Amino acid sequence: MPALTAQPERQLAWDDERLITACRKGDQEAWAALVDKYRNLVYSIPVKMGLHDQAADIFQAVFLDLLAHLPDIREPRALAKWLIQVCYHKCLRCRLQQQRQVPLGEEIEAQVDGGTPALEAVLIQAQREQTVRDALRLLSPRCERLVRLLFYESPARPYQEIARTLGLATGSIGFIRGRCLAHLRRQLERLGFQ
């Protein structure tokens, strides 16, 4: 793992085609970068589908499938969509297994199609979220960290604490935030975010 942390920007900046090519050649650093790039995407789907306790198992199963099917991936640019679809179907199978394990005499409250988001809706939302994650990775490390501290933590941290964490003056946070969000907006537009 030390090699991955020594060069995270180089690996994370690789596009999917380059990552898949390197993974097919057995490059462990590329595999770690690929998993890191898509871990939030894959974990988010079972969580959205109410399978919090099964999310880790589904995550492992999806990446085992990817490893097994790596030679079969024809369109690396569609990797995110492939991962979403595989994950979604694993979630559906998991739900079906849960329903089969309901003790006799208990009502099944939700059928698979009642309460389960449609694949299309999951696909659109997960792709949008992955685009935001990809755009964040393209920011400077300082901007990425600031955006994550401001918008990805709950409860929200006060500006004074963020300034202290980043080694900035409290009064500069708003200005830097504006510049970072403008960079993020440009990256999102470049990636086709709608």
C-alpha atoms as a PDB file:
ATOM      1  CA  MET A   1       0.000   0.000   0.000  1.00  0.00           C
ATOM      2  CA  PRO A   2       2.821   2.537   0.548  1.00  0.00           C
ATOM      3  CA  ALA A   3       3.355   2.854  -3.214  1.00  0.00           C
ATOM      4  CA  LEU A   4      -0.276   3.852  -3.723  1.00  0.00           C
ATOM      5  CA  THR A   5      -0.151   6.586  -1.105  1.00  0.00           C
ATOM      6  CA  ALA A   6       3.119   7.881  -2.513  1.00  0.00           C
ATOM      7  CA  GLN A   7       1.534   8.654  -5.903  1.00  0.00           C
ATOM      8  CA  PRO A   8      -2.252   8.947  -5.421  1.00  0.00           C
ATOM      9  CA  GLU A   9      -2.810  11.765  -7.904  1.00  0.00           C
ATOM     10  CA  ARG A  10      -1.030   9.945 -10.739  1.00  0.00           C
ATOM     11  CA  GLN A  11      -3.099   6.780 -10.319  1.00  0.00           C
ATOM     12  CA  LEU A  12      -6.426   8.420  -9.539  1.00  0.00           C
ATOM     13  CA  ALA A  13      -6.063  10.703 -12.552  1.00  0.00           C
ATOM     14  CA  TRP A  14      -5.836   7.711 -14.885  1.00  0.00           C
ATOM     15  CA  ASP A  15      -8.882   7.192 -17.042  1.00  0.00           C
ATOM     16  CA  ASP A  16     -10.748   3.889 -16.887  1.00  0.00           C
ATOM     17  CA  GLU A  17      -9.228   2.551 -20.095  1.00  0.00           C
ATOM     18  CA  ARG A  18      -5.713   2.972 -18.750  1.00  0.00           C
ATOM     19  CA  LEU A  19      -6.665   1.528 -15.356  1.00  0.00           C
ATOM     20  CA  ILE A  20      -8.308  -1.527 -16.912  1.00  0.00           C
ATOM     21  CA  THR A  21      -5.347  -2.107 -19.227  1.00  0.00           C
ATOM     22  CA  ALA A  22      -2.962  -1.955 -16.270  1.00  0.00           C
ATOM     23  CA  CYS A  23      -5.220  -4.213 -14.166  1.00  0.00           C
ATOM     24  CA  ARG A  24      -5.342  -6.795 -16.957  1.00  0.00           C
ATOM     25  CA  LYS A  25      -1.530  -6.873 -16.800  1.00  0.00           C
ATOM     26  CA  GLY A  26      -1.695  -7.579 -13.062  1.00  0.00           C
ATOM     27  CA  ASP A  27      -0.724  -4.110 -11.821  1.00  0.00           C
ATOM     28  CA  GLN A  28      -1.756  -4.155  -8.151  1.00  0.00           C
ATOM     29  CA  GLU A  29      -1.380  -0.380  -7.819  1.00  0.00           C
ATOM     30  CA  ALA A  30      -3.804   0.142 -10.709  1.00  0.00           C
ATOM     31  CA  TRP A  31      -6.271  -2.322  -9.143  1.00  0.00           C
ATOM     32  CA  ALA A  32      -6.086  -0.454  -5.823  1.00  0.00           C
ATOM     33  CA  ALA A  33      -6.662   2.851  -7.655  1.00  0.00           C
ATOM     34  CA  LEU A  34      -9.617   1.397  -9.583  1.00  0.00           C
ATOM     35  CA  VAL A  35     -11.242   0.077  -6.396  1.00  0.00           C
ATOM     36  CA  ASP A  36     -10.566   3.389  -4.655  1.00  0.00           C
ATOM     37  CA  LYS A  37     -12.105   5.322  -7.539  1.00  0.00           C
ATOM     38  CA  TYR A  38     -15.347   3.335  -7.494  1.00  0.00           C
ATOM     39  CA  ARG A  39     -15.714   2.210  -3.865  1.00  0.00           C
ATOM     40  CA  ASN A  40     -18.157   4.997  -2.949  1.00  0.00           C
ATOM     41  CA  LEU A  41     -20.216   4.335  -6.056  1.00  0.00           C
ATOM     42  CA  VAL A  42     -20.552   0.629  -5.294  1.00  0.00           C
ATOM     43  CA  TYR A  43     -21.204   1.120  -1.576  1.00  0.00           C
ATOM     44  CA  SER A  44     -23.844   3.789  -2.217  1.00  0.00           C
ATOM     45  CA  ILE A  45     -26.190   1.480  -4.126  1.00  0.00           C
ATOM     46  CA  PRO A  46     -26.924  -1.094  -1.393  1.00  0.00           C
ATOM     47  CA  VAL A  47     -27.200   1.737   1.117  1.00  0.00           C
ATOM     48  CA  LYS A  48     -29.800   3.487  -1.066  1.00  0.00           C
ATOM     49  CA  MET A  49     -31.657   0.215  -1.385  1.00  0.00           C
ATOM     50  CA  GLY A  50     -31.785  -0.238   2.394  1.00  0.00           C
ATOM     51  CA  LEU A  51     -29.210  -3.033   2.519  1.00  0.00           C
ATOM     52  CA  HIS A  52     -26.856  -1.366   4.996  1.00  0.00           C
ATOM     53  CA  ASP A  53     -25.796  -4.603   6.702  1.00  0.00           C
ATOM     54  CA  GLN A  54     -25.084  -6.331   3.397  1.00  0.00           C
ATOM     55  CA  ALA A  55     -23.220  -3.431   1.735  1.00  0.00           C
ATOM     56  CA  ALA A  56     -19.728  -4.801   2.463  1.00  0.00           C
ATOM     57  CA  ASP A  57     -20.590  -8.270   1.121  1.00  0.00           C
ATOM     58  CA  ILE A  58     -22.177  -6.802  -1.999  1.00  0.00           C
ATOM     59  CA  PHE A  59     -19.134  -4.544  -2.473  1.00  0.00           C
ATOM     60  CA  GLN A  60     -16.798  -7.560  -2.370  1.00  0.00           C
ATOM     61  CA  ALA A  61     -18.997  -9.557  -4.725  1.00  0.00           C
ATOM     62  CA  VAL A  62     -19.134  -6.731  -7.272  1.00  0.00           C
ATOM     63  CA  PHE A  63     -15.355  -6.318  -7.335  1.00  0.00           C
ATOM     64  CA  LEU A  64     -14.823 -10.079  -7.501  1.00  0.00           C
ATOM     65  CA  ASP A  65     -17.100 -10.088 -10.561  1.00  0.00           C
ATOM     66  CA  LEU A  66     -15.122  -7.216 -12.038  1.00  0.00           C
ATOM     67  CA  LEU A  67     -11.863  -9.076 -11.471  1.00  0.00           C
ATOM     68  CA  ALA A  68     -13.302 -12.197 -13.113  1.00  0.00           C
ATOM     69  CA  HIS A  69     -14.743 -10.247 -16.060  1.00  0.00           C
ATOM     70  CA  LEU A  70     -11.863  -7.803 -16.574  1.00  0.00           C
ATOM     71  CA  PRO A  71     -10.805  -9.487 -19.837  1.00  0.00           C
ATOM     72  CA  ASP A  72     -14.407  -9.234 -21.119  1.00  0.00           C
ATOM     73  CA  ILE A  73     -14.821  -5.470 -20.587  1.00  0.00           C
ATOM     74  CA  ARG A  74     -15.091  -4.123 -24.146  1.00  0.00           C
ATOM     75  CA  GLU A  75     -15.922  -0.505 -23.355  1.00  0.00           C
ATOM     76  CA  PRO A  76     -13.848   0.827 -20.444  1.00  0.00           C
ATOM     77  CA  ARG A  77     -15.656   4.183 -20.570  1.00  0.00           C
ATOM     78  CA  ALA A  78     -18.828   2.327 -19.540  1.00  0.00           C
ATOM     79  CA  LEU A  79     -17.198   0.789 -16.449  1.00  0.00           C
ATOM     80  CA  ALA A  80     -19.224   2.888 -14.004  1.00  0.00           C
ATOM     81  CA  LYS A  81     -22.465   1.816 -15.679  1.00  0.00           C
ATOM     82  CA  TRP A  82     -21.348  -1.834 -15.629  1.00  0.00           C
ATOM     83  CA  LEU A  83     -20.539  -1.608 -11.908  1.00  0.00           C
ATOM     84  CA  ILE A  84     -23.898   0.035 -11.159  1.00  0.00           C
ATOM     85  CA  GLN A  85     -25.833  -2.648 -13.036  1.00  0.00           C
ATOM     86  CA  VAL A  86     -23.934  -5.538 -11.454  1.00  0.00           C
ATOM     87  CA  CYS A  87     -24.328  -3.997  -8.007  1.00  0.00           C
ATOM     88  CA  TYR A  88     -28.034  -3.313  -8.521  1.00  0.00           C
ATOM     89  CA  HIS A  89     -28.699  -6.916  -9.558  1.00  0.00           C
ATOM     90  CA  LYS A  90     -26.733  -8.237  -6.583  1.00  0.00           C
ATOM     91  CA  CYS A  91     -28.872  -6.012  -4.348  1.00  0.00           C
ATOM     92  CA  LEU A  92     -32.045  -7.419  -5.887  1.00  0.00           C
ATOM     93  CA  ARG A  93     -30.810 -10.986  -5.318  1.00  0.00           C
ATOM     94  CA  CYS A  94     -29.939 -10.098  -1.731  1.00  0.00           C
ATOM     95  CA  ARG A  95     -33.443  -8.712  -1.168  1.00  0.00           C
ATOM     96  CA  LEU A  96     -35.013 -11.831  -2.646  1.00  0.00           C
ATOM     97  CA  GLN A  97     -32.927 -14.013  -0.322  1.00  0.00           C
ATOM     98  CA  GLN A  98     -34.016 -11.915   2.648  1.00  0.00           C
ATOM     99  CA  GLN A  99     -37.661 -12.332   1.674  1.00  0.00           C
ATOM    100  CA  ARG A 100     -37.247 -16.102   1.336  1.00  0.00           C
ATOM    101  CA  GLN A 101     -35.830 -16.267   4.855  1.00  0.00           C
ATOM    102  CA  VAL A 102     -38.900 -14.697   6.491  1.00  0.00           C
ATOM    103  CA  PRO A 103     -40.259 -17.160   9.097  1.00  0.00           C
ATOM    104  CA  LEU A 104     -43.583 -18.792   8.299  1.00  0.00           C
ATOM    105  CA  GLY A 105     -46.573 -16.842   9.492  1.00  0.00           C
ATOM    106  CA  GLU A 106     -44.911 -13.412   9.123  1.00  0.00           C
ATOM    107  CA  GLU A 107     -46.067 -11.024   6.440  1.00  0.00           C
ATOM    108  CA  ILE A 108     -43.672  -9.891   3.769  1.00  0.00           C
ATOM    109  CA  GLU A 109     -44.135  -6.150   3.906  1.00  0.00           C
ATOM    110  CA  ALA A 110     -42.429  -5.132   0.699  1.00  0.00           C
ATOM    111  CA  GLN A 111     -42.178  -6.981  -2.548  1.00  0.00           C
ATOM    112  CA  VAL A 112     -39.045  -6.518  -4.645  1.00  0.00           C
ATOM    113  CA  ASP A 113     -40.708  -4.123  -7.053  1.00  0.00           C
ATOM    114  CA  GLY A 114     -42.499  -2.210  -4.299  1.00  0.00           C
ATOM    115  CA  GLY A 115     -39.957  -0.010  -2.552  1.00  0.00           C
ATOM    116  CA  THR A 116     -37.021  -0.954  -4.770  1.00  0.00           C
ATOM    117  CA  PRO A 117     -35.876   1.873  -7.005  1.00  0.00           C
ATOM    118  CA  ALA A 118     -35.860   1.052 -10.702  1.00  0.00           C
ATOM    119  CA  LEU A 119     -32.513   0.300 -12.311  1.00  0.00           C
ATOM    120  CA  GLU A 120     -32.815   3.406 -14.491  1.00  0.00           C
ATOM    121  CA  ALA A 121     -33.252   5.686 -11.464  1.00  0.00           C
ATOM    122  CA  VAL A 122     -30.347   4.047  -9.610  1.00  0.00           C
ATOM    123  CA  LEU A 123     -28.200   4.268 -12.729  1.00  0.00           C
ATOM    124  CA  ILE A 124     -28.846   7.982 -13.263  1.00  0.00           C
ATOM    125  CA  GLN A 125     -28.326   8.942  -9.629  1.00  0.00           C
ATOM    126  CA  ALA A 126     -25.218   6.787  -9.162  1.00  0.00           C
ATOM    127  CA  GLN A 127     -23.628   8.107 -12.369  1.00  0.00           C
ATOM    128  CA  ARG A 128     -24.263  11.702 -11.290  1.00  0.00           C
ATOM    129  CA  GLU A 129     -22.727  11.041  -7.882  1.00  0.00           C
ATOM    130  CA  GLN A 130     -19.701   9.358  -9.481  1.00  0.00           C
ATOM    131  CA  THR A 131     -19.225  12.346 -11.782  1.00  0.00           C
ATOM    132  CA  VAL A 132     -19.121  14.620  -8.725  1.00  0.00           C
ATOM    133  CA  ARG A 133     -16.546  12.318  -7.078  1.00  0.00           C
ATOM    134  CA  ASP A 134     -14.463  12.309 -10.267  1.00  0.00           C
ATOM    135  CA  ALA A 135     -14.639  16.107 -10.502  1.00  0.00           C
ATOM    136  CA  LEU A 136     -13.543  16.442  -6.865  1.00  0.00           C
ATOM    137  CA  ARG A 137     -10.474  14.303  -7.598  1.00  0.00           C
ATOM    138  CA  LEU A 138      -9.523  16.701 -10.383  1.00  0.00           C
ATOM    139  CA  LEU A 139      -9.345  19.668  -8.010  1.00  0.00           C
ATOM    140  CA  SER A 140      -6.148  20.704  -6.288  1.00  0.00           C
ATOM    141  CA  PRO A 141      -5.644  18.780  -3.031  1.00  0.00           C
ATOM    142  CA  ARG A 142      -6.363  21.939  -1.000  1.00  0.00           C
ATOM    143  CA  CYS A 143      -9.640  22.627  -2.852  1.00  0.00           C
ATOM    144  CA  GLU A 144     -10.747  19.001  -2.634  1.00  0.00           C
ATOM    145  CA  ARG A 145     -10.093  18.935   1.102  1.00  0.00           C
ATOM    146  CA  LEU A 146     -11.878  22.262   1.647  1.00  0.00           C
ATOM    147  CA  VAL A 147     -14.961  21.128  -0.299  1.00  0.00           C
ATOM    148  CA  ARG A 148     -15.054  17.849   1.602  1.00  0.00           C
ATOM    149  CA  LEU A 149     -14.713  19.632   4.955  1.00  0.00           C
ATOM    150  CA  LEU A 150     -17.428  22.148   4.065  1.00  0.00           C
ATOM    151  CA  PHE A 151     -19.993  19.915   2.393  1.00  0.00           C
ATOM    152  CA  TYR A 152     -19.317  16.260   3.203  1.00  0.00           C
ATOM    153  CA  GLU A 153     -19.318  16.322   6.986  1.00  0.00           C
ATOM    154  CA  SER A 154     -22.279  16.168   9.267  1.00  0.00           C
ATOM    155  CA  PRO A 155     -22.690  18.107  11.412  1.00  0.00           C
ATOM    156  CA  ALA A 156     -21.066  20.950   9.506  1.00  0.00           C
ATOM    157  CA  ARG A 157     -17.823  22.229  10.958  1.00  0.00           C
ATOM    158  CA  PRO A 158     -17.479  25.917  11.853  1.00  0.00           C
ATOM    159  CA  TYR A 159     -15.232  28.016   9.598  1.00  0.00           C
ATOM    160  CA  GLN A 160     -12.790  28.533  12.500  1.00  0.00           C
ATOM    161  CA  GLU A 161     -12.222  24.795  12.820  1.00  0.00           C
ATOM    162  CA  ILE A 162     -11.849  24.345   9.059  1.00  0.00           C
ATOM    163  CA  ALA A 163      -9.388  27.247   8.910  1.00  0.00           C
ATOM    164  CA  ARG A 164      -7.357  25.702  11.725  1.00  0.00           C
ATOM    165  CA  THR A 165      -7.402  22.265  10.044  1.00  0.00           C
ATOM    166  CA  LEU A 166      -6.198  23.702   6.715  1.00  0.00           C
ATOM    167  CA  GLY A 167      -3.827  26.266   8.208  1.00  0.00           C
ATOM    168  CA  LEU A 168      -5.733  29.213   6.718  1.00  0.00           C
ATOM    169  CA  ALA A 169      -7.058  32.494   8.063  1.00  0.00           C
ATOM    170  CA  THR A 170     -10.750  32.213   8.970  1.00  0.00           C
ATOM    171  CA  GLY A 171     -11.580  35.246   6.823  1.00  0.00           C
ATOM    172  CA  SER A 172     -10.105  33.603   3.706  1.00  0.00           C
ATOM    173  CA  ILE A 173     -12.329  30.494   3.787  1.00  0.00           C
ATOM    174  CA  GLY A 174     -15.256  32.151   1.968  1.00  0.00           C
ATOM    175  CA  PHE A 175     -13.050  33.527  -0.820  1.00  0.00           C
ATOM    176  CA  ILE A 176     -11.175  30.247  -1.292  1.00  0.00           C
ATOM    177  CA  ARG A 177     -14.471  28.320  -1.155  1.00  0.00           C
ATOM    178  CA  GLY A 178     -15.805  30.457  -4.010  1.00  0.00           C
ATOM    179  CA  ARG A 179     -12.723  29.818  -6.148  1.00  0.00           C
ATOM    180  CA  CYS A 180     -12.808  26.082  -5.387  1.00  0.00           C
ATOM    181  CA  LEU A 181     -16.508  25.806  -6.235  1.00  0.00           C
ATOM    182  CA  ALA A 182     -15.874  27.655  -9.519  1.00  0.00           C
ATOM    183  CA  HIS A 183     -13.129  25.114 -10.338  1.00  0.00           C
ATOM    184  CA  LEU A 184     -15.462  22.286  -9.367  1.00  0.00           C
ATOM    185  CA  ARG A 185     -18.209  23.693 -11.603  1.00  0.00           C
ATOM    186  CA  ARG A 186     -15.775  23.826 -14.556  1.00  0.00           C
ATOM    187  CA  GLN A 187     -14.675  20.232 -13.938  1.00  0.00           C
ATOM    188  CA  LEU A 188     -18.299  19.084 -13.716  1.00  0.00           C
ATOM    189  CA  GLU A 189     -19.119  20.826 -17.006  1.00  0.00           C
ATOM    190  CA  ARG A 190     -16.043  19.277 -18.615  1.00  0.00           C
ATOM    191  CA  LEU A 191     -17.213  15.835 -17.443  1.00  0.00           C
ATOM    192  CA  GLY A 192     -20.707  16.443 -18.857  1.00  0.00           C
ATOM    193  CA  PHE A 193     -22.559  16.755 -15.552  1.00  0.00           C
ATOM    194  CA  GLN A 194     -26.162  17.824 -16.048  1.00  0.00           C
END
